Amino acid sequence: MPLSFNAFADVTLELPKNIRLLVVNEQSVDGGLLGFFVPSDDTLKLKNGENQIVFNIDEYFYRGGKQSDRAYSNAVIMTFTADNQKNKIKFT
């Protein structure tokens, strides 16, 4: 099935499971109490053009057995420009 450029109406940003969104395009992400414990949704729909997200990385580190530590990174600010695209954040 051919895909036309009109099939995309915005920018899609796929997020890893361990990202916790704080701000999207200058709007605070309010997940309520549940948002404190649960990382962000897998995908963001954003407007075409310049976008900015602020997030931290929420990661568990296992020390062995049943012991683990939870760590949050400092806030990361990411600004990007995209039009009618699917993008993915990937940490390697």
PDB file of N, CA and C in Angstrom:
ATOM      1  N   MET A   1       0.845  -1.176   0.000  1.00  0.00           N
ATOM      2  CA  MET A   1       0.000   0.000   0.000  1.00  0.00           C
ATOM      3  C   MET A   1       0.887   1.235   0.000  1.00  0.00           C
ATOM      4  N   PRO A   2       0.751   2.121  -0.936  1.00  0.00           N
ATOM      5  CA  PRO A   2       1.564   3.332  -0.981  1.00  0.00           C
ATOM      6  C   PRO A   2       1.227   4.249   0.194  1.00  0.00           C
ATOM      7  N   LEU A   3       2.237   4.952   0.644  1.00  0.00           N
ATOM      8  CA  LEU A   3       2.069   5.870   1.762  1.00  0.00           C
ATOM      9  C   LEU A   3       2.295   7.280   1.263  1.00  0.00           C
ATOM     10  N   SER A   4       1.313   8.133   1.442  1.00  0.00           N
ATOM     11  CA  SER A   4       1.462   9.515   0.991  1.00  0.00           C
ATOM     12  C   SER A   4       1.984  10.365   2.130  1.00  0.00           C
ATOM     13  N   PHE A   5       2.539  11.514   1.798  1.00  0.00           N
ATOM     14  CA  PHE A   5       3.032  12.414   2.820  1.00  0.00           C
ATOM     15  C   PHE A   5       1.900  12.968   3.672  1.00  0.00           C
ATOM     16  N   ASN A   6       0.695  12.976   3.169  1.00  0.00           N
ATOM     17  CA  ASN A   6      -0.437  13.474   3.933  1.00  0.00           C
ATOM     18  C   ASN A   6      -0.857  12.530   5.043  1.00  0.00           C
ATOM     19  N   ALA A   7      -0.321  11.328   5.074  1.00  0.00           N
ATOM     20  CA  ALA A   7      -0.690  10.376   6.117  1.00  0.00           C
ATOM     21  C   ALA A   7      -0.163  10.818   7.475  1.00  0.00           C
ATOM     22  N   PHE A   8       0.907  11.612   7.494  1.00  0.00           N
ATOM     23  CA  PHE A   8       1.453  12.123   8.737  1.00  0.00           C
ATOM     24  C   PHE A   8       0.925  13.530   8.960  1.00  0.00           C
ATOM     25  N   ALA A   9       0.377  13.779  10.126  1.00  0.00           N
ATOM     26  CA  ALA A   9      -0.165  15.101  10.397  1.00  0.00           C
ATOM     27  C   ALA A   9       0.646  15.835  11.453  1.00  0.00           C
ATOM     28  N   ASP A  10       1.593  15.145  12.064  1.00  0.00           N
ATOM     29  CA  ASP A  10       2.345  15.753  13.141  1.00  0.00           C
ATOM     30  C   ASP A  10       3.629  14.966  13.369  1.00  0.00           C
ATOM     31  N   VAL A  11       4.278  15.245  14.460  1.00  0.00           N
ATOM     32  CA  VAL A  11       5.521  14.574  14.819  1.00  0.00           C
ATOM     33  C   VAL A  11       5.211  13.563  15.912  1.00  0.00           C
ATOM     34  N   THR A  12       5.697  12.363  15.740  1.00  0.00           N
ATOM     35  CA  THR A  12       5.546  11.320  16.742  1.00  0.00           C
ATOM     36  C   THR A  12       6.915  11.060  17.355  1.00  0.00           C
ATOM     37  N   LEU A  13       6.981  11.046  18.677  1.00  0.00           N
ATOM     38  CA  LEU A  13       8.230  10.793  19.381  1.00  0.00           C
ATOM     39  C   LEU A  13       8.034   9.586  20.278  1.00  0.00           C
ATOM     40  N   GLU A  14       8.743   8.518  19.970  1.00  0.00           N
ATOM     41  CA  GLU A  14       8.665   7.286  20.764  1.00  0.00           C
ATOM     42  C   GLU A  14       9.696   7.369  21.890  1.00  0.00           C
ATOM     43  N   LEU A  15       9.248   7.086  23.102  1.00  0.00           N
ATOM     44  CA  LEU A  15      10.095   7.226  24.286  1.00  0.00           C
ATOM     45  C   LEU A  15      10.431   5.875  24.896  1.00  0.00           C
ATOM     46  N   PRO A  16      11.629   5.737  25.455  1.00  0.00           N
ATOM     47  CA  PRO A  16      11.944   4.516  26.198  1.00  0.00           C
ATOM     48  C   PRO A  16      11.080   4.440  27.467  1.00  0.00           C
ATOM     49  N   LYS A  17      10.938   3.268  28.004  1.00  0.00           N
ATOM     50  CA  LYS A  17      10.106   3.063  29.203  1.00  0.00           C
ATOM     51  C   LYS A  17      10.649   3.791  30.428  1.00  0.00           C
ATOM     52  N   ASN A  18      11.963   4.047  30.463  1.00  0.00           N
ATOM     53  CA  ASN A  18      12.553   4.621  31.671  1.00  0.00           C
ATOM     54  C   ASN A  18      12.654   6.151  31.653  1.00  0.00           C
ATOM     55  N   ILE A  19      11.977   6.803  30.726  1.00  0.00           N
ATOM     56  CA  ILE A  19      11.950   8.268  30.707  1.00  0.00           C
ATOM     57  C   ILE A  19      10.726   8.757  31.471  1.00  0.00           C
ATOM     58  N   ARG A  20      10.971   9.750  32.327  1.00  0.00           N
ATOM     59  CA  ARG A  20       9.881  10.396  33.058  1.00  0.00           C
ATOM     60  C   ARG A  20       9.803  11.839  32.582  1.00  0.00           C
ATOM     61  N   LEU A  21       8.748  12.162  31.829  1.00  0.00           N
ATOM     62  CA  LEU A  21       8.577  13.513  31.284  1.00  0.00           C
ATOM     63  C   LEU A  21       8.267  14.506  32.387  1.00  0.00           C
ATOM     64  N   LEU A  22       8.884  15.667  32.303  1.00  0.00           N
ATOM     65  CA  LEU A  22       8.639  16.740  33.261  1.00  0.00           C
ATOM     66  C   LEU A  22       7.919  17.916  32.597  1.00  0.00           C
ATOM     67  N   VAL A  23       8.374  18.289  31.375  1.00  0.00           N
ATOM     68  CA  VAL A  23       7.808  19.429  30.652  1.00  0.00           C
ATOM     69  C   VAL A  23       7.792  19.096  29.170  1.00  0.00           C
ATOM     70  N   VAL A  24       6.710  19.456  28.487  1.00  0.00           N
ATOM     71  CA  VAL A  24       6.612  19.313  27.035  1.00  0.00           C
ATOM     72  C   VAL A  24       6.180  20.663  26.477  1.00  0.00           C
ATOM     73  N   ASN A  25       7.037  21.265  25.643  1.00  0.00           N
ATOM     74  CA  ASN A  25       6.747  22.569  25.026  1.00  0.00           C
ATOM     75  C   ASN A  25       6.250  23.588  26.051  1.00  0.00           C
ATOM     76  N   GLU A  26       7.020  23.746  27.103  1.00  0.00           N
ATOM     77  CA  GLU A  26       6.789  24.719  28.175  1.00  0.00           C
ATOM     78  C   GLU A  26       5.535  24.438  29.009  1.00  0.00           C
ATOM     79  N   GLN A  27       4.957  23.250  28.871  1.00  0.00           N
ATOM     80  CA  GLN A  27       3.790  22.868  29.659  1.00  0.00           C
ATOM     81  C   GLN A  27       4.193  21.759  30.622  1.00  0.00           C
ATOM     82  N   SER A  28       3.970  21.976  31.890  1.00  0.00           N
ATOM     83  CA  SER A  28       4.303  20.978  32.898  1.00  0.00           C
ATOM     84  C   SER A  28       3.478  19.713  32.675  1.00  0.00           C
ATOM     85  N   VAL A  29       4.121  18.579  32.814  1.00  0.00           N
ATOM     86  CA  VAL A  29       3.424  17.302  32.681  1.00  0.00           C
ATOM     87  C   VAL A  29       2.954  16.924  34.075  1.00  0.00           C
ATOM     88  N   ASP A  30       1.642  16.923  34.250  1.00  0.00           N
ATOM     89  CA  ASP A  30       1.070  16.618  35.555  1.00  0.00           C
ATOM     90  C   ASP A  30       0.445  15.241  35.509  1.00  0.00           C
ATOM     91  N   GLY A  31       1.195  14.263  35.986  1.00  0.00           N
ATOM     92  CA  GLY A  31       0.681  12.902  36.024  1.00  0.00           C
ATOM     93  C   GLY A  31       0.001  12.588  37.334  1.00  0.00           C
ATOM     94  N   GLY A  32      -0.123  13.598  38.211  1.00  0.00           N
ATOM     95  CA  GLY A  32      -0.686  13.344  39.517  1.00  0.00           C
ATOM     96  C   GLY A  32       0.237  12.439  40.320  1.00  0.00           C
ATOM     97  N   LEU A  33      -0.276  11.840  41.349  1.00  0.00           N
ATOM     98  CA  LEU A  33       0.523  10.947  42.193  1.00  0.00           C
ATOM     99  C   LEU A  33       1.010   9.750  41.412  1.00  0.00           C
ATOM    100  N   LEU A  34       0.176   9.213  40.519  1.00  0.00           N
ATOM    101  CA  LEU A  34       0.572   8.060  39.717  1.00  0.00           C
ATOM    102  C   LEU A  34       1.749   8.400  38.816  1.00  0.00           C
ATOM    103  N   GLY A  35       1.799   9.623  38.294  1.00  0.00           N
ATOM    104  CA  GLY A  35       2.891  10.047  37.432  1.00  0.00           C
ATOM    105  C   GLY A  35       4.240  10.036  38.130  1.00  0.00           C
ATOM    106  N   PHE A  36       4.224  10.138  39.461  1.00  0.00           N
ATOM    107  CA  PHE A  36       5.477  10.096  40.212  1.00  0.00           C
ATOM    108  C   PHE A  36       6.083   8.698  40.190  1.00  0.00           C
ATOM    109  N   PHE A  37       5.240   7.695  40.150  1.00  0.00           N
ATOM    110  CA  PHE A  37       5.707   6.319  40.232  1.00  0.00           C
ATOM    111  C   PHE A  37       5.835   5.628  38.883  1.00  0.00           C
ATOM    112  N   VAL A  38       5.099   6.088  37.889  1.00  0.00           N
ATOM    113  CA  VAL A  38       5.049   5.402  36.601  1.00  0.00           C
ATOM    114  C   VAL A  38       5.742   6.246  35.541  1.00  0.00           C
ATOM    115  N   PRO A  39       6.684   5.684  34.791  1.00  0.00           N
ATOM    116  CA  PRO A  39       7.294   6.438  33.696  1.00  0.00           C
ATOM    117  C   PRO A  39       6.253   6.860  32.665  1.00  0.00           C
ATOM    118  N   SER A  40       6.656   7.697  31.745  1.00  0.00           N
ATOM    119  CA  SER A  40       5.751   8.303  30.769  1.00  0.00           C
ATOM    120  C   SER A  40       5.181   7.295  29.781  1.00  0.00           C
ATOM    121  N   ASP A  41       4.155   7.747  29.054  1.00  0.00           N
ATOM    122  CA  ASP A  41       3.616   6.961  27.952  1.00  0.00           C
ATOM    123  C   ASP A  41       4.713   6.679  26.943  1.00  0.00           C
ATOM    124  N   ASP A  42       4.481   5.706  26.097  1.00  0.00           N
ATOM    125  CA  ASP A  42       5.472   5.300  25.109  1.00  0.00           C
ATOM    126  C   ASP A  42       5.634   6.289  23.969  1.00  0.00           C
ATOM    127  N   THR A  43       4.596   7.055  23.635  1.00  0.00           N
ATOM    128  CA  THR A  43       4.628   7.897  22.444  1.00  0.00           C
ATOM    129  C   THR A  43       4.028   9.272  22.725  1.00  0.00           C
ATOM    130  N   LEU A  44       4.676  10.299  22.192  1.00  0.00           N
ATOM    131  CA  LEU A  44       4.154  11.665  22.249  1.00  0.00           C
ATOM    132  C   LEU A  44       3.758  12.099  20.850  1.00  0.00           C
ATOM    133  N   LYS A  45       2.666  12.791  20.734  1.00  0.00           N
ATOM    134  CA  LYS A  45       2.269  13.446  19.481  1.00  0.00           C
ATOM    135  C   LYS A  45       2.537  14.928  19.676  1.00  0.00           C
ATOM    136  N   LEU A  46       3.370  15.498  18.803  1.00  0.00           N
ATOM    137  CA  LEU A  46       3.771  16.890  18.918  1.00  0.00           C
ATOM    138  C   LEU A  46       3.474  17.628  17.622  1.00  0.00           C
ATOM    139  N   LYS A  47       3.482  18.945  17.695  1.00  0.00           N
ATOM    140  CA  LYS A  47       3.233  19.771  16.513  1.00  0.00           C
ATOM    141  C   LYS A  47       4.460  19.743  15.602  1.00  0.00           C
ATOM    142  N   ASN A  48       4.246  20.007  14.338  1.00  0.00           N
ATOM    143  CA  ASN A  48       5.359  20.170  13.409  1.00  0.00           C
ATOM    144  C   ASN A  48       6.152  21.402  13.796  1.00  0.00           C
ATOM    145  N   GLY A  49       7.452  21.384  13.521  1.00  0.00           N
ATOM    146  CA  GLY A  49       8.311  22.515  13.830  1.00  0.00           C
ATOM    147  C   GLY A  49       9.182  22.227  15.032  1.00  0.00           C
ATOM    148  N   GLU A  50       9.534  23.275  15.764  1.00  0.00           N
ATOM    149  CA  GLU A  50      10.421  23.124  16.914  1.00  0.00           C
ATOM    150  C   GLU A  50       9.640  22.656  18.134  1.00  0.00           C
ATOM    151  N   ASN A  51      10.182  21.679  18.833  1.00  0.00           N
ATOM    152  CA  ASN A  51       9.602  21.146  20.064  1.00  0.00           C
ATOM    153  C   ASN A  51      10.694  21.032  21.105  1.00  0.00           C
ATOM    154  N   GLN A  52      10.267  21.017  22.364  1.00  0.00           N
ATOM    155  CA  GLN A  52      11.218  20.845  23.452  1.00  0.00           C
ATOM    156  C   GLN A  52      10.585  19.985  24.532  1.00  0.00           C
ATOM    157  N   ILE A  53      11.357  19.028  25.017  1.00  0.00           N
ATOM    158  CA  ILE A  53      10.910  18.228  26.152  1.00  0.00           C
ATOM    159  C   ILE A  53      11.987  18.278  27.228  1.00  0.00           C
ATOM    160  N   VAL A  54      11.536  18.176  28.457  1.00  0.00           N
ATOM    161  CA  VAL A  54      12.436  18.078  29.604  1.00  0.00           C
ATOM    162  C   VAL A  54      12.062  16.783  30.305  1.00  0.00           C
ATOM    163  N   PHE A  55      13.064  15.969  30.581  1.00  0.00           N
ATOM    164  CA  PHE A  55      12.797  14.667  31.189  1.00  0.00           C
ATOM    165  C   PHE A  55      13.955  14.263  32.075  1.00  0.00           C
ATOM    166  N   ASN A  56      13.711  13.249  32.902  1.00  0.00           N
ATOM    167  CA  ASN A  56      14.826  12.592  33.560  1.00  0.00           C
ATOM    168  C   ASN A  56      14.697  11.101  33.328  1.00  0.00           C
ATOM    169  N   ILE A  57      15.775  10.434  33.595  1.00  0.00           N
ATOM    170  CA  ILE A  57      15.817   8.992  33.378  1.00  0.00           C
ATOM    171  C   ILE A  57      15.607   8.318  34.720  1.00  0.00           C
ATOM    172  N   ASP A  58      14.655   7.426  34.773  1.00  0.00           N
ATOM    173  CA  ASP A  58      14.248   6.705  35.976  1.00  0.00           C
ATOM    174  C   ASP A  58      14.733   5.270  35.814  1.00  0.00           C
ATOM    175  N   GLU A  59      15.724   4.872  36.604  1.00  0.00           N
ATOM    176  CA  GLU A  59      16.335   3.559  36.389  1.00  0.00           C
ATOM    177  C   GLU A  59      16.512   2.818  37.707  1.00  0.00           C
ATOM    178  N   TYR A  60      16.310   1.512  37.659  1.00  0.00           N
ATOM    179  CA  TYR A  60      16.588   0.636  38.790  1.00  0.00           C
ATOM    180  C   TYR A  60      17.935  -0.024  38.599  1.00  0.00           C
ATOM    181  N   PHE A  61      18.686  -0.105  39.677  1.00  0.00           N
ATOM    182  CA  PHE A  61      19.961  -0.809  39.667  1.00  0.00           C
ATOM    183  C   PHE A  61      19.889  -1.919  40.704  1.00  0.00           C
ATOM    184  N   TYR A  62      20.100  -3.130  40.286  1.00  0.00           N
ATOM    185  CA  TYR A  62      20.010  -4.275  41.182  1.00  0.00           C
ATOM    186  C   TYR A  62      21.368  -4.573  41.790  1.00  0.00           C
ATOM    187  N   ARG A  63      21.367  -4.762  43.119  1.00  0.00           N
ATOM    188  CA  ARG A  63      22.602  -5.045  43.842  1.00  0.00           C
ATOM    189  C   ARG A  63      22.749  -6.526  44.145  1.00  0.00           C
ATOM    190  N   GLY A  64      21.793  -7.304  43.723  1.00  0.00           N
ATOM    191  CA  GLY A  64      21.813  -8.733  44.013  1.00  0.00           C
ATOM    192  C   GLY A  64      20.647  -9.115  44.894  1.00  0.00           C
ATOM    193  N   GLY A  65      20.201 -10.343  44.741  1.00  0.00           N
ATOM    194  CA  GLY A  65      19.052 -10.796  45.520  1.00  0.00           C
ATOM    195  C   GLY A  65      17.840  -9.939  45.215  1.00  0.00           C
ATOM    196  N   LYS A  66      17.175  -9.486  46.265  1.00  0.00           N
ATOM    197  CA  LYS A  66      15.981  -8.654  46.092  1.00  0.00           C
ATOM    198  C   LYS A  66      16.271  -7.182  46.337  1.00  0.00           C
ATOM    199  N   GLN A  67      17.525  -6.827  46.536  1.00  0.00           N
ATOM    200  CA  GLN A  67      17.876  -5.446  46.816  1.00  0.00           C
ATOM    201  C   GLN A  67      18.084  -4.673  45.520  1.00  0.00           C
ATOM    202  N   SER A  68      17.528  -3.486  45.490  1.00  0.00           N
ATOM    203  CA  SER A  68      17.715  -2.621  44.322  1.00  0.00           C
ATOM    204  C   SER A  68      17.681  -1.168  44.770  1.00  0.00           C
ATOM    205  N   ASP A  69      18.240  -0.333  43.944  1.00  0.00           N
ATOM    206  CA  ASP A  69      18.210   1.110  44.166  1.00  0.00           C
ATOM    207  C   ASP A  69      17.548   1.755  42.962  1.00  0.00           C
ATOM    208  N   ARG A  70      16.807   2.811  43.226  1.00  0.00           N
ATOM    209  CA  ARG A  70      16.175   3.567  42.142  1.00  0.00           C
ATOM    210  C   ARG A  70      16.912   4.889  42.026  1.00  0.00           C
ATOM    211  N   ALA A  71      17.248   5.265  40.821  1.00  0.00           N
ATOM    212  CA  ALA A  71      17.990   6.505  40.607  1.00  0.00           C
ATOM    213  C   ALA A  71      17.327   7.321  39.501  1.00  0.00           C
ATOM    214  N   TYR A  72      17.339   8.632  39.696  1.00  0.00           N
ATOM    215  CA  TYR A  72      16.848   9.569  38.688  1.00  0.00           C
ATOM    216  C   TYR A  72      18.035  10.397  38.209  1.00  0.00           C
ATOM    217  N   SER A  73      18.114  10.634  36.918  1.00  0.00           N
ATOM    218  CA  SER A  73      19.151  11.518  36.393  1.00  0.00           C
ATOM    219  C   SER A  73      18.755  12.960  36.665  1.00  0.00           C
ATOM    220  N   ASN A  74      19.692  13.868  36.448  1.00  0.00           N
ATOM    221  CA  ASN A  74      19.357  15.292  36.426  1.00  0.00           C
ATOM    222  C   ASN A  74      18.422  15.525  35.241  1.00  0.00           C
ATOM    223  N   ALA A  75      17.734  16.636  35.260  1.00  0.00           N
ATOM    224  CA  ALA A  75      16.835  16.962  34.155  1.00  0.00           C
ATOM    225  C   ALA A  75      17.636  17.130  32.863  1.00  0.00           C
ATOM    226  N   VAL A  76      17.109  16.570  31.782  1.00  0.00           N
ATOM    227  CA  VAL A  76      17.706  16.673  30.455  1.00  0.00           C
ATOM    228  C   VAL A  76      16.755  17.505  29.602  1.00  0.00           C
ATOM    229  N   ILE A  77      17.289  18.514  28.915  1.00  0.00           N
ATOM    230  CA  ILE A  77      16.490  19.356  28.031  1.00  0.00           C
ATOM    231  C   ILE A  77      16.841  18.985  26.599  1.00  0.00           C
ATOM    232  N   MET A  78      15.829  18.620  25.819  1.00  0.00           N
ATOM    233  CA  MET A  78      16.046  18.240  24.433  1.00  0.00           C
ATOM    234  C   MET A  78      15.170  19.121  23.543  1.00  0.00           C
ATOM    235  N   THR A  79      15.805  19.847  22.628  1.00  0.00           N
ATOM    236  CA  THR A  79      15.098  20.683  21.663  1.00  0.00           C
ATOM    237  C   THR A  79      15.386  20.134  20.275  1.00  0.00           C
ATOM    238  N   PHE A  80      14.354  19.996  19.471  1.00  0.00           N
ATOM    239  CA  PHE A  80      14.533  19.450  18.129  1.00  0.00           C
ATOM    240  C   PHE A  80      13.476  20.034  17.197  1.00  0.00           C
ATOM    241  N   THR A  81      13.783  19.984  15.907  1.00  0.00           N
ATOM    242  CA  THR A  81      12.858  20.434  14.876  1.00  0.00           C
ATOM    243  C   THR A  81      12.544  19.250  13.971  1.00  0.00           C
ATOM    244  N   ALA A  82      11.266  19.023  13.723  1.00  0.00           N
ATOM    245  CA  ALA A  82      10.842  17.913  12.864  1.00  0.00           C
ATOM    246  C   ALA A  82       9.504  18.260  12.234  1.00  0.00           C
ATOM    247  N   ASP A  83       9.262  17.702  11.061  1.00  0.00           N
ATOM    248  CA  ASP A  83       7.992  17.875  10.360  1.00  0.00           C
ATOM    249  C   ASP A  83       7.534  16.527   9.824  1.00  0.00           C
ATOM    250  N   ASN A  84       6.310  16.151  10.184  1.00  0.00           N
ATOM    251  CA  ASN A  84       5.693  14.932   9.647  1.00  0.00           C
ATOM    252  C   ASN A  84       6.634  13.725   9.744  1.00  0.00           C
ATOM    253  N   GLN A  85       7.169  13.489  10.936  1.00  0.00           N
ATOM    254  CA  GLN A  85       8.133  12.409  11.123  1.00  0.00           C
ATOM    255  C   GLN A  85       7.796  11.583  12.344  1.00  0.00           C
ATOM    256  N   LYS A  86       8.299  10.359  12.326  1.00  0.00           N
ATOM    257  CA  LYS A  86       8.328   9.516  13.523  1.00  0.00           C
ATOM    258  C   LYS A  86       9.763   9.489  14.000  1.00  0.00           C
ATOM    259  N   ASN A  87       9.967   9.776  15.274  1.00  0.00           N
ATOM    260  CA  ASN A  87      11.300   9.806  15.861  1.00  0.00           C
ATOM    261  C   ASN A  87      11.311   8.929  17.107  1.00  0.00           C
ATOM    262  N   LYS A  88      12.506   8.503  17.490  1.00  0.00           N
ATOM    263  CA  LYS A  88      12.636   7.607  18.635  1.00  0.00           C
ATOM    264  C   LYS A  88      13.855   8.025  19.453  1.00  0.00           C
ATOM    265  N   ILE A  89      13.665   8.130  20.775  1.00  0.00           N
ATOM    266  CA  ILE A  89      14.783   8.370  21.666  1.00  0.00           C
ATOM    267  C   ILE A  89      15.323   7.004  22.069  1.00  0.00           C
ATOM    268  N   LYS A  90      16.626   6.846  21.924  1.00  0.00           N
ATOM    269  CA  LYS A  90      17.243   5.556  22.240  1.00  0.00           C
ATOM    270  C   LYS A  90      18.563   5.807  22.943  1.00  0.00           C
ATOM    271  N   PHE A  91      18.755   5.173  24.087  1.00  0.00           N
ATOM    272  CA  PHE A  91      20.001   5.278  24.824  1.00  0.00           C
ATOM    273  C   PHE A  91      20.827   4.026  24.561  1.00  0.00           C
ATOM    274  N   THR A  92      22.099   4.218  24.245  1.00  0.00           N
ATOM    275  CA  THR A  92      22.975   3.068  24.015  1.00  0.00           C
ATOM    276  C   THR A  92      24.171   3.116  24.924  1.00  0.00           C
TER     277      THR A  92
END
